[in-house]
C-alpha atoms as a PDB file:
ATOM      1  CA  MET A   1       8.102 -12.433  -8.569  1.00  0.00           C
ATOM      2  CA  ALA A   2      10.648 -13.043 -11.294  1.00  0.00           C
ATOM      3  CA  PRO A   3      13.987 -14.378  -9.948  1.00  0.00           C
ATOM      4  CA  GLN A   4      15.999 -11.882 -12.008  1.00  0.00           C
ATOM      5  CA  MET A   5      14.049  -8.956 -10.500  1.00  0.00           C
ATOM      6  CA  TYR A   6      13.780 -10.024  -6.861  1.00  0.00           C
ATOM      7  CA  ASP A   7      15.921 -11.943  -4.416  1.00  0.00           C
ATOM      8  CA  SER A   8      13.757 -13.713  -1.828  1.00  0.00           C
ATOM      9  CA  GLN A   9      14.453 -15.669   1.326  1.00  0.00           C
ATOM     10  CA  VAL A  10      11.927 -17.716   3.311  1.00  0.00           C
ATOM     11  CA  LEU A  11      12.046 -16.662   6.970  1.00  0.00           C
ATOM     12  CA  ARG A  12       9.055 -18.521   8.398  1.00  0.00           C
ATOM     13  CA  LYS A  13       6.581 -21.141   7.247  1.00  0.00           C
ATOM     14  CA  THR A  14       3.454 -22.483   8.970  1.00  0.00           C
ATOM     15  CA  VAL A  15       0.265 -24.208   7.853  1.00  0.00           C
ATOM     16  CA  GLN A  16      -1.389 -20.857   7.093  1.00  0.00           C
ATOM     17  CA  LEU A  17       1.484 -18.565   6.049  1.00  0.00           C
ATOM     18  CA  ILE A  18       4.838 -18.271   4.291  1.00  0.00           C
ATOM     19  CA  HIS A  19       6.907 -15.240   5.281  1.00  0.00           C
ATOM     20  CA  TYR A  20       9.658 -13.821   3.020  1.00  0.00           C
ATOM     21  CA  LEU A  21      12.365 -11.183   3.074  1.00  0.00           C
ATOM     22  CA  VAL A  22      12.659  -9.760  -0.460  1.00  0.00           C
ATOM     23  CA  VAL A  23      15.150  -7.435  -2.136  1.00  0.00           C
ATOM     24  CA  GLN A  24      14.162  -5.587  -5.310  1.00  0.00           C
ATOM     25  CA  MET A  25      17.305  -5.967  -7.421  1.00  0.00           C
ATOM     26  CA  SER A  26      16.889  -2.794  -9.512  1.00  0.00           C
ATOM     27  CA  THR A  27      16.589  -0.499  -6.478  1.00  0.00           C
ATOM     28  CA  HIS A  28      18.103  -2.654  -3.697  1.00  0.00           C
ATOM     29  CA  LYS A  29      15.031  -1.905  -1.600  1.00  0.00           C
ATOM     30  CA  ARG A  30      14.123  -4.475   1.050  1.00  0.00           C
ATOM     31  CA  PHE A  31      10.636  -5.465   2.023  1.00  0.00           C
ATOM     32  CA  TYR A  32       8.818  -8.304   3.744  1.00  0.00           C
ATOM     33  CA  ILE A  33       5.894 -10.134   2.195  1.00  0.00           C
ATOM     34  CA  THR A  34       3.721 -12.786   3.818  1.00  0.00           C
ATOM     35  CA  PHE A  35       1.442 -15.037   1.784  1.00  0.00           C
ATOM     36  CA  ILE A  36      -1.473 -16.390   3.788  1.00  0.00           C
ATOM     37  CA  TYR A  37      -4.271 -18.889   3.379  1.00  0.00           C
ATOM     38  CA  GLY A  38      -6.673 -18.613   6.308  1.00  0.00           C
ATOM     39  CA  MET A  39      -8.499 -21.706   7.509  1.00  0.00           C
ATOM     40  CA  LYS A  40     -12.246 -21.969   7.024  1.00  0.00           C
ATOM     41  CA  HIS A  41     -13.330 -21.627  10.675  1.00  0.00           C
ATOM     42  CA  GLU A  42     -12.586 -18.691  12.952  1.00  0.00           C
ATOM     43  CA  HIS A  43     -10.994 -20.724  15.761  1.00  0.00           C
ATOM     44  CA  GLN A  44      -8.682 -22.353  13.202  1.00  0.00           C
ATOM     45  CA  ARG A  45      -7.439 -18.942  12.051  1.00  0.00           C
ATOM     46  CA  GLN A  46      -6.490 -17.773  15.545  1.00  0.00           C
ATOM     47  CA  PRO A  47      -2.900 -19.145  15.359  1.00  0.00           C
ATOM     48  CA  MET A  48      -2.436 -17.271  12.061  1.00  0.00           C
ATOM     49  CA  TRP A  49      -3.493 -13.940  13.614  1.00  0.00           C
ATOM     50  CA  GLU A  50      -1.175 -14.543  16.560  1.00  0.00           C
ATOM     51  CA  ASP A  51       1.785 -15.318  14.285  1.00  0.00           C
ATOM     52  CA  LEU A  52       1.115 -12.222  12.168  1.00  0.00           C
ATOM     53  CA  LEU A  53       0.838  -9.940  15.199  1.00  0.00           C
ATOM     54  CA  VAL A  54       4.197 -11.183  16.459  1.00  0.00           C
ATOM     55  CA  LEU A  55       5.690 -10.342  13.060  1.00  0.00           C
ATOM     56  CA  SER A  56       4.078  -6.885  13.123  1.00  0.00           C
ATOM     57  CA  GLN A  57       5.946  -6.111  16.345  1.00  0.00           C
ATOM     58  CA  GLN A  58       9.270  -7.278  14.901  1.00  0.00           C
ATOM     59  CA  ILE A  59       9.180  -5.568  11.494  1.00  0.00           C
ATOM     60  CA  ASN A  60      10.154  -1.901  11.097  1.00  0.00           C
ATOM     61  CA  GLU A  61      10.478  -1.972   7.305  1.00  0.00           C
ATOM     62  CA  ALA A  62       7.967  -2.229   4.449  1.00  0.00           C
ATOM     63  CA  TRP A  63       5.685  -5.252   4.905  1.00  0.00           C
ATOM     64  CA  CYS A  64       2.783  -6.659   2.873  1.00  0.00           C
ATOM     65  CA  ILE A  65       0.406  -9.466   3.879  1.00  0.00           C
ATOM     66  CA  ILE A  66      -1.387 -10.851   0.878  1.00  0.00           C
ATOM     67  CA  ARG A  67      -3.964 -13.413  -0.283  1.00  0.00           C
ATOM     68  CA  ASP A  68      -6.863 -15.279   1.352  1.00  0.00           C
ATOM     69  CA  TYR A  69      -7.854 -14.131   4.847  1.00  0.00           C
ATOM     70  CA  ASN A  70     -11.127 -16.081   4.791  1.00  0.00           C
ATOM     71  CA  ALA A  71     -12.584 -13.129   6.727  1.00  0.00           C
ATOM     72  CA  VAL A  72     -14.406  -9.979   5.657  1.00  0.00           C
ATOM     73  CA  LEU A  73     -14.319  -6.317   6.708  1.00  0.00           C
ATOM     74  CA  TYR A  74     -17.797  -5.139   5.721  1.00  0.00           C
ATOM     75  CA  LYS A  75     -21.269  -6.627   5.336  1.00  0.00           C
ATOM     76  CA  GLU A  76     -21.094  -5.707   1.655  1.00  0.00           C
ATOM     77  CA  ASP A  77     -18.133  -8.065   1.277  1.00  0.00           C
ATOM     78  CA  ARG A  78     -20.482 -11.018   0.735  1.00  0.00           C
ATOM     79  CA  ILE A  79     -23.634 -11.587  -1.265  1.00  0.00           C
ATOM     80  CA  GLY A  80     -25.569 -14.824  -1.279  1.00  0.00           C
ATOM     81  CA  GLY A  81     -25.854 -17.330   1.566  1.00  0.00           C
ATOM     82  CA  ASN A  82     -26.517 -16.278   5.142  1.00  0.00           C
ATOM     83  CA  GLU A  83     -26.291 -12.630   6.153  1.00  0.00           C
ATOM     84  CA  ILE A  84     -23.009 -11.664   7.801  1.00  0.00           C
ATOM     85  CA  GLN A  85     -23.376 -11.024  11.528  1.00  0.00           C
ATOM     86  CA  GLY A  86     -21.650  -8.032  13.116  1.00  0.00           C
ATOM     87  CA  THR A  87     -19.394 -10.232  15.238  1.00  0.00           C
ATOM     88  CA  LYS A  88     -17.923 -11.746  12.067  1.00  0.00           C
ATOM     89  CA  LEU A  89     -16.640  -8.321  11.039  1.00  0.00           C
ATOM     90  CA  LYS A  90     -14.535  -7.864  14.165  1.00  0.00           C
ATOM     91  CA  GLU A  91     -11.996 -10.582  13.422  1.00  0.00           C
ATOM     92  CA  LEU A  92     -10.165  -8.876  10.548  1.00  0.00           C
ATOM     93  CA  THR A  93     -10.880  -5.359  11.864  1.00  0.00           C
ATOM     94  CA  ASN A  94      -9.286  -6.148  15.235  1.00  0.00           C
ATOM     95  CA  PHE A  95      -6.253  -7.690  13.564  1.00  0.00           C
ATOM     96  CA  MET A  96      -5.693  -4.619  11.376  1.00  0.00           C
ATOM     97  CA  GLU A  97      -6.038  -2.264  14.341  1.00  0.00           C
ATOM     98  CA  GLN A  98      -3.692  -4.269  16.561  1.00  0.00           C
ATOM     99  CA  GLY A  99      -1.131  -4.663  13.780  1.00  0.00           C
ATOM    100  CA  ASP A 100      -1.432  -1.013  12.634  1.00  0.00           C
ATOM    101  CA  LEU A 101      -2.220  -2.150   9.084  1.00  0.00           C
ATOM    102  CA  GLN A 102      -4.223  -0.753   6.185  1.00  0.00           C
ATOM    103  CA  GLU A 103      -5.411  -2.095   2.867  1.00  0.00           C
ATOM    104  CA  MET A 104      -3.241  -1.384  -0.157  1.00  0.00           C
ATOM    105  CA  ARG A 105      -4.731   0.684  -2.980  1.00  0.00           C
ATOM    106  CA  TRP A 106      -6.492  -1.682  -5.343  1.00  0.00           C
ATOM    107  CA  SER A 107      -8.457  -1.890  -8.589  1.00  0.00           C
ATOM    108  CA  GLY A 108     -10.404  -4.525 -10.494  1.00  0.00           C
ATOM    109  CA  THR A 109     -13.187  -6.891  -9.513  1.00  0.00           C
ATOM    110  CA  TYR A 110     -14.701  -6.425  -6.047  1.00  0.00           C
ATOM    111  CA  TYR A 111     -15.685  -9.979  -5.119  1.00  0.00           C
ATOM    112  CA  THR A 112     -12.555 -12.124  -5.085  1.00  0.00           C
ATOM    113  CA  TRP A 113     -14.040 -15.572  -4.402  1.00  0.00           C
ATOM    114  CA  THR A 114     -17.159 -17.381  -5.555  1.00  0.00           C
ATOM    115  CA  ASP A 115     -18.700 -20.818  -5.656  1.00  0.00           C
ATOM    116  CA  LYS A 116     -21.343 -19.448  -8.073  1.00  0.00           C
ATOM    117  CA  ILE A 117     -23.804 -19.213  -5.158  1.00  0.00           C
ATOM    118  CA  ILE A 118     -21.884 -16.961  -2.785  1.00  0.00           C
ATOM    119  CA  TRP A 119     -19.600 -14.077  -3.801  1.00  0.00           C
ATOM    120  CA  SER A 120     -17.138 -12.821  -1.190  1.00  0.00           C
ATOM    121  CA  ARG A 121     -14.284 -10.379  -0.828  1.00  0.00           C
ATOM    122  CA  ILE A 122     -11.909 -12.444   1.313  1.00  0.00           C
ATOM    123  CA  ASP A 123      -8.644 -11.761  -0.561  1.00  0.00           C
ATOM    124  CA  ARG A 124      -6.697  -8.615   0.269  1.00  0.00           C
ATOM    125  CA  ALA A 125      -3.260  -7.049   0.418  1.00  0.00           C
ATOM    126  CA  LEU A 126      -2.603  -5.335   3.745  1.00  0.00           C
ATOM    127  CA  ILE A 127       0.436  -3.148   4.385  1.00  0.00           C
ATOM    128  CA  ASN A 128       2.147  -1.568   7.364  1.00  0.00           C
ATOM    129  CA  ILE A 129       2.948   2.111   7.903  1.00  0.00           C
ATOM    130  CA  TYR A 130       6.369   1.810   6.240  1.00  0.00           C
ATOM    131  CA  TRP A 131       5.139   0.466   2.906  1.00  0.00           C
ATOM    132  CA  TYR A 132       4.257   3.642   1.004  1.00  0.00           C
ATOM    133  CA  ASP A 133       7.486   5.313   2.116  1.00  0.00           C
ATOM    134  CA  ALA A 134       9.363   2.676   0.128  1.00  0.00           C
ATOM    135  CA  PHE A 135       6.844   1.927  -2.668  1.00  0.00           C
ATOM    136  CA  ASP A 136       4.588   4.935  -3.081  1.00  0.00           C
ATOM    137  CA  PHE A 137       2.958   3.869  -6.359  1.00  0.00           C
ATOM    138  CA  THR A 138       2.133   0.268  -5.462  1.00  0.00           C
ATOM    139  CA  GLN A 139      -1.278  -1.059  -6.466  1.00  0.00           C
ATOM    140  CA  ASN A 140      -2.995  -4.413  -6.140  1.00  0.00           C
ATOM    141  CA  HIS A 141      -5.168  -5.403  -9.115  1.00  0.00           C
ATOM    142  CA  PHE A 142      -7.835  -8.133  -8.994  1.00  0.00           C
ATOM    143  CA  LEU A 143      -8.565  -9.907 -12.262  1.00  0.00           C
ATOM    144  CA  ALA A 144     -11.945 -11.496 -13.014  1.00  0.00           C
ATOM    145  CA  ASN A 145     -12.437 -15.075 -11.851  1.00  0.00           C
ATOM    146  CA  GLY A 146     -11.048 -17.671 -14.240  1.00  0.00           C
ATOM    147  CA  LEU A 147     -10.536 -21.393 -13.699  1.00  0.00           C
ATOM    148  CA  SER A 148      -9.964 -20.854  -9.974  1.00  0.00           C
ATOM    149  CA  ASN A 149     -12.728 -19.775  -7.606  1.00  0.00           C
ATOM    150  CA  HIS A 150     -10.324 -17.033  -6.434  1.00  0.00           C
ATOM    151  CA  SER A 151      -9.481 -13.921  -8.443  1.00  0.00           C
ATOM    152  CA  LEU A 152      -5.897 -13.630  -9.616  1.00  0.00           C
ATOM    153  CA  MET A 153      -4.078 -10.854  -7.740  1.00  0.00           C
ATOM    154  CA  MET A 154      -1.447  -8.746  -9.512  1.00  0.00           C
ATOM    155  CA  LEU A 155       0.816  -6.679  -7.283  1.00  0.00           C
ATOM    156  CA  TYR A 156       2.409  -3.782  -9.176  1.00  0.00           C
ATOM    157  CA  LEU A 157       5.628  -2.456  -7.652  1.00  0.00           C
ATOM    158  CA  PRO A 158       7.476   0.509  -9.202  1.00  0.00           C
ATOM    159  CA  LEU A 159      10.898  -0.351 -10.637  1.00  0.00           C
ATOM    160  CA  ILE A 160      12.104   3.240 -10.597  1.00  0.00           C
ATOM    161  CA  ALA A 161      12.833   5.575  -7.745  1.00  0.00           C
ATOM    162  CA  LYS A 162      10.105   7.867  -6.466  1.00  0.00           C
ATOM    163  CA  PRO A 163      10.213  11.103  -8.533  1.00  0.00           C
ATOM    164  CA  ARG A 164      11.372  14.290  -6.885  1.00  0.00           C
ATOM    165  CA  SER A 165       8.749  16.716  -5.690  1.00  0.00           C
ATOM    166  CA  ARG A 166       8.049  19.706  -7.921  1.00  0.00           C
ATOM    167  CA  PHE A 167       7.012  23.196  -6.886  1.00  0.00           C
ATOM    168  CA  GLN A 168       4.494  24.997  -9.108  1.00  0.00           C
ATOM    169  CA  PHE A 169       4.939  28.790  -9.324  1.00  0.00           C
ATOM    170  CA  CYS A 170       2.088  30.836 -10.785  1.00  0.00           C
ATOM    171  CA  GLU A 171       2.563  34.277 -12.353  1.00  0.00           C
ATOM    172  CA  MET A 172      -0.559  35.625 -10.653  1.00  0.00           C
ATOM    173  CA  TRP A 173       1.297  35.579  -7.345  1.00  0.00           C
ATOM    174  CA  THR A 174       3.586  38.362  -8.644  1.00  0.00           C
ATOM    175  CA  LYS A 175       0.551  40.661  -8.970  1.00  0.00           C
ATOM    176  CA  HIS A 176      -0.052  40.675  -5.235  1.00  0.00           C
ATOM    177  CA  ARG A 177       0.999  43.958  -3.616  1.00  0.00           C
ATOM    178  CA  ASP A 178       3.060  42.159  -0.939  1.00  0.00           C
ATOM    179  CA  PHE A 179       4.866  39.794  -3.321  1.00  0.00           C
ATOM    180  CA  ASN A 180       8.236  41.631  -3.386  1.00  0.00           C
ATOM    181  CA  ARG A 181       8.223  42.158   0.360  1.00  0.00           C
ATOM    182  CA  VAL A 182       7.482  38.474   1.080  1.00  0.00           C
ATOM    183  CA  VAL A 183      10.165  37.254  -1.349  1.00  0.00           C
ATOM    184  CA  ASP A 184      12.728  39.698   0.132  1.00  0.00           C
ATOM    185  CA  SER A 185      11.955  38.494   3.658  1.00  0.00           C
ATOM    186  CA  VAL A 186      12.508  34.867   2.647  1.00  0.00           C
ATOM    187  CA  LEU A 187      15.724  35.549   0.689  1.00  0.00           C
ATOM    188  CA  SER A 188      17.346  37.682   3.335  1.00  0.00           C
ATOM    189  CA  PRO A 189      20.054  37.191   4.505  1.00  0.00           C
ATOM    190  CA  VAL A 190      20.637  34.118   2.283  1.00  0.00           C
ATOM    191  CA  SER A 191      20.439  34.631  -1.472  1.00  0.00           C
ATOM    192  CA  ILE A 192      18.738  31.855  -3.472  1.00  0.00           C
ATOM    193  CA  GLU A 193      19.404  32.544  -7.142  1.00  0.00           C
ATOM    194  CA  PRO A 194      16.347  30.795  -8.688  1.00  0.00           C
ATOM    195  CA  LEU A 195      13.997  32.730  -6.417  1.00  0.00           C
ATOM    196  CA  ASN A 196      15.770  36.046  -7.016  1.00  0.00           C
ATOM    197  CA  GLN A 197      14.683  35.807 -10.636  1.00  0.00           C
ATOM    198  CA  LEU A 198      10.986  35.587  -9.793  1.00  0.00           C
ATOM    199  CA  LYS A 199      10.449  39.330  -9.414  1.00  0.00           C
ATOM    200  CA  ASN A 200      11.281  40.027 -13.048  1.00  0.00           C
ATOM    201  CA  HIS A 201       9.887  36.806 -14.486  1.00  0.00           C
ATOM    202  CA  SER A 202       6.764  36.664 -16.640  1.00  0.00           C
ATOM    203  CA  GLY A 203       5.009  33.416 -17.398  1.00  0.00           C
ATOM    204  CA  THR A 204       4.683  30.238 -15.341  1.00  0.00           C
ATOM    205  CA  LEU A 205       7.686  28.675 -13.664  1.00  0.00           C
ATOM    206  CA  LYS A 206       8.254  25.131 -12.498  1.00  0.00           C
ATOM    207  CA  ILE A 207      11.146  24.889 -10.081  1.00  0.00           C
ATOM    208  CA  SER A 208      12.647  21.580  -9.019  1.00  0.00           C
ATOM    209  CA  PHE A 209      14.429  21.679  -5.673  1.00  0.00           C
ATOM    210  CA  LYS A 210      17.215  19.118  -5.788  1.00  0.00           C
END
């Protein structure tokens, strides 16, 4: 995150995570982001899950947890080496359910880590229920492996406000025998000028409600 675009403050730091409060300078939107690096063995990761679940209960704004979980969601998340046992899939699944989290929309390479023998998808960006309300068009992109055995992750955040919703009006609706009656019932007793013009309008209208 470029300093001129974001103002960040470290709120918590442990062996497996760094937790930030960030303000997007162009929009003044606040969000939390936690960078993690899960330990190799499951019992070593337990303190990380506990810390993250505590944060999930405290945060009621947009929050993203990103990077290396060292855990997988699906059997297809690893090829090569020993087959993944069903119990190994519960660790990350249980955390997401308890924290009410989902994976951010993503694109790019599927397997995010490799030692050239095993390919795994252990890197992810998870978000809470408030994230898309603040950053609707966010996407996480995974680049192909380079010098590192991990894929580079690019988090794209919109720098402009979410566009206003648009209502599409189709001329064919005016051909329906009940069109005038329905419009009259909606307009009465309050007159809405843009809609009053629909009865005599030909062609397709796009109306923006401000």
